[in-house]
């Protein structure tokens, strides 16, 4: 990403997230995941698609490395794999491994 802009969570949650790989609208950011020791943002969480009326909507974790551009109205991300829903980003094994690696480097 270019530029050194600052955004609050209030600013981010109002922006629409769009996947440039397939053109799908992923929705608005509902959570930001960060590494508490450094304050580094690991990624964003957007609501996943509801599969049926009775099913629970599973959230999608978007790693910060997949963010292409944060604009005035939208956030463009590039996700080539099928958006992997995970009910809780902190239960995601890949994310936990990333956190453990960062923690070990301290």
N, C-alpha and C. Protein backbone atom coordinates (compact mmCIF):
# COMPACT_ATOMS: atom_id res chain seq x y z
N UNK A 1 0.83 -1.18 0.00
CA UNK A 1 0.00 0.00 0.00
C UNK A 1 0.87 1.24 0.00
N UNK A 2 0.39 2.26 -0.64
CA UNK A 2 1.15 3.48 -0.71
C UNK A 2 0.57 4.51 0.25
N UNK A 3 1.39 5.45 0.63
CA UNK A 3 0.93 6.51 1.51
C UNK A 3 1.00 6.12 2.96
N UNK A 4 0.97 7.11 3.78
CA UNK A 4 1.04 6.88 5.22
C UNK A 4 -0.17 7.52 5.87
N UNK A 5 -1.36 7.03 5.56
CA UNK A 5 -2.59 7.60 6.06
C UNK A 5 -2.98 6.95 7.37
N UNK A 6 -3.70 7.70 8.16
CA UNK A 6 -4.20 7.16 9.42
C UNK A 6 -5.72 7.10 9.34
N UNK A 7 -6.28 5.97 9.78
CA UNK A 7 -7.72 5.78 9.80
C UNK A 7 -8.12 5.26 11.17
N UNK A 8 -9.24 5.73 11.68
CA UNK A 8 -9.77 5.18 12.92
C UNK A 8 -10.65 3.98 12.56
N UNK A 9 -10.99 3.18 13.56
CA UNK A 9 -11.87 2.04 13.31
C UNK A 9 -13.22 2.54 12.81
N UNK A 10 -13.69 3.67 13.32
CA UNK A 10 -14.95 4.26 12.87
C UNK A 10 -14.91 4.58 11.38
N UNK A 11 -13.75 5.08 10.91
CA UNK A 11 -13.59 5.37 9.48
C UNK A 11 -13.60 4.07 8.67
N UNK A 12 -12.86 3.08 9.13
CA UNK A 12 -12.73 1.82 8.40
C UNK A 12 -14.05 1.07 8.30
N UNK A 13 -14.82 1.04 9.37
CA UNK A 13 -16.04 0.23 9.35
C UNK A 13 -17.12 0.81 8.44
N UNK A 14 -16.96 2.05 8.02
CA UNK A 14 -17.93 2.65 7.09
C UNK A 14 -17.59 2.37 5.63
N UNK A 15 -16.40 1.85 5.37
CA UNK A 15 -15.97 1.61 4.00
C UNK A 15 -16.37 0.21 3.55
N UNK A 16 -16.77 0.10 2.30
CA UNK A 16 -17.15 -1.17 1.71
C UNK A 16 -15.88 -1.91 1.29
N UNK A 17 -15.81 -3.21 1.56
CA UNK A 17 -14.65 -4.03 1.19
C UNK A 17 -14.99 -4.80 -0.08
N UNK A 18 -14.14 -4.65 -1.10
CA UNK A 18 -14.36 -5.31 -2.39
C UNK A 18 -13.14 -6.14 -2.75
N UNK A 19 -13.39 -7.38 -3.17
CA UNK A 19 -12.31 -8.27 -3.61
C UNK A 19 -12.07 -8.02 -5.10
N UNK A 20 -10.88 -7.50 -5.44
CA UNK A 20 -10.59 -7.19 -6.84
C UNK A 20 -10.33 -8.45 -7.67
N UNK A 21 -10.07 -9.59 -7.02
CA UNK A 21 -9.81 -10.83 -7.74
C UNK A 21 -11.07 -11.35 -8.43
N UNK A 22 -12.23 -11.20 -7.79
CA UNK A 22 -13.47 -11.70 -8.39
C UNK A 22 -14.58 -10.65 -8.46
N UNK A 23 -14.32 -9.44 -7.96
CA UNK A 23 -15.31 -8.37 -8.02
C UNK A 23 -16.41 -8.45 -6.98
N UNK A 24 -16.32 -9.40 -6.05
CA UNK A 24 -17.37 -9.56 -5.04
C UNK A 24 -17.28 -8.49 -3.96
N UNK A 25 -18.44 -8.06 -3.52
CA UNK A 25 -18.52 -7.15 -2.37
C UNK A 25 -18.53 -8.03 -1.13
N UNK A 26 -17.56 -7.81 -0.25
CA UNK A 26 -17.45 -8.63 0.96
C UNK A 26 -18.19 -8.01 2.14
N UNK A 27 -18.54 -6.76 2.05
CA UNK A 27 -19.27 -6.09 3.13
C UNK A 27 -18.40 -5.06 3.82
N UNK A 28 -18.81 -4.68 5.01
CA UNK A 28 -18.07 -3.71 5.81
C UNK A 28 -17.26 -4.40 6.90
N UNK A 29 -16.18 -3.78 7.29
CA UNK A 29 -15.33 -4.32 8.36
C UNK A 29 -16.10 -4.34 9.67
N UNK A 30 -16.07 -5.49 10.34
CA UNK A 30 -16.73 -5.59 11.64
C UNK A 30 -15.73 -5.70 12.78
N UNK A 31 -14.46 -5.99 12.44
CA UNK A 31 -13.45 -6.11 13.49
C UNK A 31 -12.06 -5.94 12.88
N UNK A 32 -11.12 -5.51 13.71
CA UNK A 32 -9.72 -5.39 13.32
C UNK A 32 -8.92 -6.26 14.27
N UNK A 33 -8.06 -7.13 13.72
CA UNK A 33 -7.22 -8.02 14.53
C UNK A 33 -5.80 -7.45 14.51
N UNK A 34 -5.24 -7.27 15.69
CA UNK A 34 -3.88 -6.73 15.76
C UNK A 34 -3.08 -7.47 16.81
N UNK A 35 -1.76 -7.36 16.70
CA UNK A 35 -0.84 -7.98 17.64
C UNK A 35 -0.65 -7.00 18.79
N UNK A 36 -1.11 -7.33 20.00
CA UNK A 36 -1.12 -6.36 21.10
C UNK A 36 0.25 -5.83 21.52
N UNK A 37 1.29 -6.65 21.44
CA UNK A 37 2.61 -6.21 21.90
C UNK A 37 3.18 -5.10 21.02
N UNK A 38 2.90 -5.16 19.72
CA UNK A 38 3.47 -4.18 18.80
C UNK A 38 2.43 -3.23 18.23
N UNK A 39 1.17 -3.59 18.31
CA UNK A 39 0.11 -2.78 17.72
C UNK A 39 -0.01 -2.98 16.22
N UNK A 40 0.74 -3.94 15.67
CA UNK A 40 0.71 -4.20 14.23
C UNK A 40 -0.61 -4.85 13.85
N UNK A 41 -1.24 -4.32 12.79
CA UNK A 41 -2.51 -4.88 12.32
C UNK A 41 -2.23 -6.16 11.55
N UNK A 42 -2.91 -7.24 11.95
CA UNK A 42 -2.78 -8.52 11.26
C UNK A 42 -3.81 -8.67 10.15
N UNK A 43 -4.97 -8.05 10.34
CA UNK A 43 -6.00 -8.14 9.31
C UNK A 43 -7.34 -7.61 9.77
N UNK A 44 -8.32 -7.75 8.87
CA UNK A 44 -9.68 -7.30 9.11
C UNK A 44 -10.64 -8.47 9.08
N UNK A 45 -11.80 -8.30 9.69
CA UNK A 45 -12.84 -9.31 9.66
C UNK A 45 -14.08 -8.68 9.02
N UNK A 46 -14.65 -9.40 8.05
CA UNK A 46 -15.90 -8.99 7.41
C UNK A 46 -16.90 -10.13 7.58
N UNK A 47 -18.19 -9.81 7.55
CA UNK A 47 -19.17 -10.89 7.69
C UNK A 47 -19.20 -11.77 6.44
N UNK A 48 -19.32 -13.06 6.65
CA UNK A 48 -19.41 -14.00 5.53
C UNK A 48 -20.84 -14.10 5.05
N UNK A 49 -21.03 -14.77 3.92
CA UNK A 49 -22.37 -14.96 3.37
C UNK A 49 -23.14 -15.98 4.18
N UNK A 50 -24.40 -15.68 4.44
CA UNK A 50 -25.26 -16.62 5.15
C UNK A 50 -25.69 -17.72 4.19
N UNK A 51 -25.53 -18.96 4.59
CA UNK A 51 -25.82 -20.08 3.70
C UNK A 51 -27.32 -20.39 3.64
N UNK A 52 -28.01 -20.23 4.75
CA UNK A 52 -29.46 -20.43 4.76
C UNK A 52 -30.05 -19.60 5.89
N UNK A 53 -31.37 -19.60 5.98
CA UNK A 53 -32.05 -18.80 6.99
C UNK A 53 -31.66 -19.23 8.40
N UNK A 54 -31.44 -20.52 8.61
CA UNK A 54 -31.16 -21.04 9.94
C UNK A 54 -29.67 -21.10 10.27
N UNK A 55 -28.84 -20.97 9.26
CA UNK A 55 -27.40 -21.07 9.54
C UNK A 55 -26.85 -19.75 10.07
N UNK A 56 -25.79 -19.89 10.83
CA UNK A 56 -25.11 -18.72 11.39
C UNK A 56 -24.15 -18.15 10.35
N UNK A 57 -24.07 -16.86 10.29
CA UNK A 57 -23.16 -16.20 9.35
C UNK A 57 -21.74 -16.29 9.90
N UNK A 58 -20.83 -16.91 9.14
CA UNK A 58 -19.45 -17.05 9.57
C UNK A 58 -18.62 -15.90 9.03
N UNK A 59 -17.71 -15.41 9.83
CA UNK A 59 -16.89 -14.26 9.46
C UNK A 59 -15.73 -14.67 8.57
N UNK A 60 -15.22 -13.71 7.80
CA UNK A 60 -14.08 -13.94 6.92
C UNK A 60 -12.93 -13.07 7.40
N UNK A 61 -11.77 -13.69 7.62
CA UNK A 61 -10.56 -12.96 8.01
C UNK A 61 -9.79 -12.57 6.75
N UNK A 62 -9.44 -11.29 6.63
CA UNK A 62 -8.65 -10.79 5.50
C UNK A 62 -7.30 -10.34 6.03
N UNK A 63 -6.22 -11.06 5.70
CA UNK A 63 -4.90 -10.63 6.16
C UNK A 63 -4.56 -9.24 5.61
N UNK A 64 -3.87 -8.45 6.41
CA UNK A 64 -3.54 -7.09 6.00
C UNK A 64 -2.68 -7.07 4.73
N UNK A 65 -1.92 -8.14 4.52
CA UNK A 65 -1.09 -8.22 3.32
C UNK A 65 -1.94 -8.30 2.04
N UNK A 66 -3.21 -8.64 2.16
CA UNK A 66 -4.10 -8.74 1.00
C UNK A 66 -4.79 -7.41 0.67
N UNK A 67 -4.58 -6.39 1.49
CA UNK A 67 -5.19 -5.08 1.24
C UNK A 67 -4.39 -4.38 0.14
N UNK A 68 -5.08 -4.02 -0.94
CA UNK A 68 -4.43 -3.34 -2.07
C UNK A 68 -4.46 -1.83 -1.89
N UNK A 69 -5.61 -1.31 -1.51
CA UNK A 69 -5.78 0.14 -1.43
C UNK A 69 -6.92 0.47 -0.48
N UNK A 70 -6.72 1.49 0.34
CA UNK A 70 -7.79 2.02 1.17
C UNK A 70 -8.13 3.39 0.59
N UNK A 71 -9.32 3.49 0.03
CA UNK A 71 -9.76 4.73 -0.59
C UNK A 71 -10.72 5.49 0.29
N UNK A 72 -11.31 6.54 -0.27
CA UNK A 72 -12.26 7.35 0.49
C UNK A 72 -13.54 6.59 0.82
N UNK A 73 -13.99 5.74 -0.12
CA UNK A 73 -15.25 5.04 0.06
C UNK A 73 -15.13 3.53 0.19
N UNK A 74 -14.05 2.96 -0.36
CA UNK A 74 -13.92 1.50 -0.38
C UNK A 74 -12.53 1.06 0.04
N UNK A 75 -12.45 -0.22 0.41
CA UNK A 75 -11.17 -0.88 0.67
C UNK A 75 -11.07 -2.01 -0.35
N UNK A 76 -10.02 -1.97 -1.17
CA UNK A 76 -9.82 -3.00 -2.18
C UNK A 76 -8.86 -4.04 -1.64
N UNK A 77 -9.29 -5.31 -1.70
CA UNK A 77 -8.45 -6.42 -1.24
C UNK A 77 -8.32 -7.41 -2.39
N UNK A 78 -7.29 -8.24 -2.33
CA UNK A 78 -7.09 -9.24 -3.36
C UNK A 78 -6.99 -10.61 -2.71
N UNK A 79 -8.08 -11.36 -2.78
CA UNK A 79 -8.15 -12.71 -2.23
C UNK A 79 -8.39 -13.68 -3.38
N UNK A 80 -7.39 -14.51 -3.70
CA UNK A 80 -7.53 -15.44 -4.81
C UNK A 80 -8.18 -16.74 -4.38
N UNK A 81 -7.98 -17.14 -3.15
CA UNK A 81 -8.60 -18.37 -2.66
C UNK A 81 -10.03 -18.08 -2.29
N UNK A 82 -10.84 -19.14 -2.25
CA UNK A 82 -12.22 -18.98 -1.82
C UNK A 82 -12.18 -18.38 -0.42
N UNK A 83 -12.97 -17.36 -0.17
CA UNK A 83 -12.95 -16.67 1.12
C UNK A 83 -13.23 -17.67 2.22
N UNK A 84 -12.18 -18.05 2.95
CA UNK A 84 -12.29 -19.06 4.00
C UNK A 84 -13.00 -18.48 5.21
N UNK A 85 -14.22 -18.93 5.47
CA UNK A 85 -14.89 -18.43 6.66
C UNK A 85 -14.27 -19.03 7.91
N UNK A 86 -14.13 -18.23 8.91
CA UNK A 86 -13.71 -18.75 10.20
C UNK A 86 -14.53 -18.03 11.26
N UNK A 87 -15.23 -18.77 12.12
CA UNK A 87 -16.13 -18.16 13.09
C UNK A 87 -15.43 -17.17 14.02
N UNK A 88 -14.18 -17.46 14.34
CA UNK A 88 -13.43 -16.56 15.22
C UNK A 88 -12.01 -16.50 14.70
N UNK A 89 -11.53 -15.32 14.26
CA UNK A 89 -10.19 -15.25 13.68
C UNK A 89 -9.10 -15.76 14.61
N UNK A 90 -9.28 -15.65 15.91
CA UNK A 90 -8.24 -16.09 16.82
C UNK A 90 -8.19 -17.61 16.92
N UNK A 91 -9.21 -18.32 16.41
CA UNK A 91 -9.19 -19.78 16.39
C UNK A 91 -8.60 -20.31 15.09
N UNK A 92 -8.27 -19.42 14.18
CA UNK A 92 -7.69 -19.79 12.91
C UNK A 92 -6.24 -20.23 13.14
N UNK A 93 -5.88 -21.46 12.75
CA UNK A 93 -4.54 -22.00 13.02
C UNK A 93 -3.45 -21.18 12.34
N UNK A 94 -3.70 -20.74 11.09
CA UNK A 94 -2.71 -19.96 10.37
C UNK A 94 -2.43 -18.64 11.10
N UNK A 95 -3.49 -17.99 11.58
CA UNK A 95 -3.34 -16.73 12.30
C UNK A 95 -2.61 -16.96 13.62
N UNK A 96 -2.95 -18.04 14.33
CA UNK A 96 -2.27 -18.35 15.59
C UNK A 96 -0.79 -18.62 15.37
N UNK A 97 -0.45 -19.31 14.28
CA UNK A 97 0.96 -19.56 13.96
C UNK A 97 1.69 -18.25 13.71
N UNK A 98 1.04 -17.31 13.00
CA UNK A 98 1.64 -16.01 12.73
C UNK A 98 1.90 -15.26 14.04
N UNK A 99 0.93 -15.31 14.94
CA UNK A 99 1.07 -14.63 16.24
C UNK A 99 2.21 -15.26 17.03
N UNK A 100 2.30 -16.60 17.02
CA UNK A 100 3.38 -17.28 17.76
C UNK A 100 4.74 -16.93 17.19
N UNK A 101 4.86 -16.85 15.87
CA UNK A 101 6.14 -16.48 15.24
C UNK A 101 6.53 -15.07 15.66
N UNK A 102 5.58 -14.13 15.61
CA UNK A 102 5.88 -12.76 16.00
C UNK A 102 6.25 -12.68 17.48
N UNK A 103 5.59 -13.48 18.31
CA UNK A 103 5.86 -13.49 19.75
C UNK A 103 7.26 -14.05 20.03
N UNK A 104 7.66 -15.09 19.27
CA UNK A 104 8.99 -15.70 19.47
C UNK A 104 10.11 -14.76 19.08
N UNK A 105 9.85 -13.85 18.15
CA UNK A 105 10.88 -12.92 17.69
C UNK A 105 11.16 -11.80 18.69
N UNK A 106 10.33 -11.67 19.71
CA UNK A 106 10.53 -10.62 20.71
C UNK A 106 11.74 -10.88 21.55
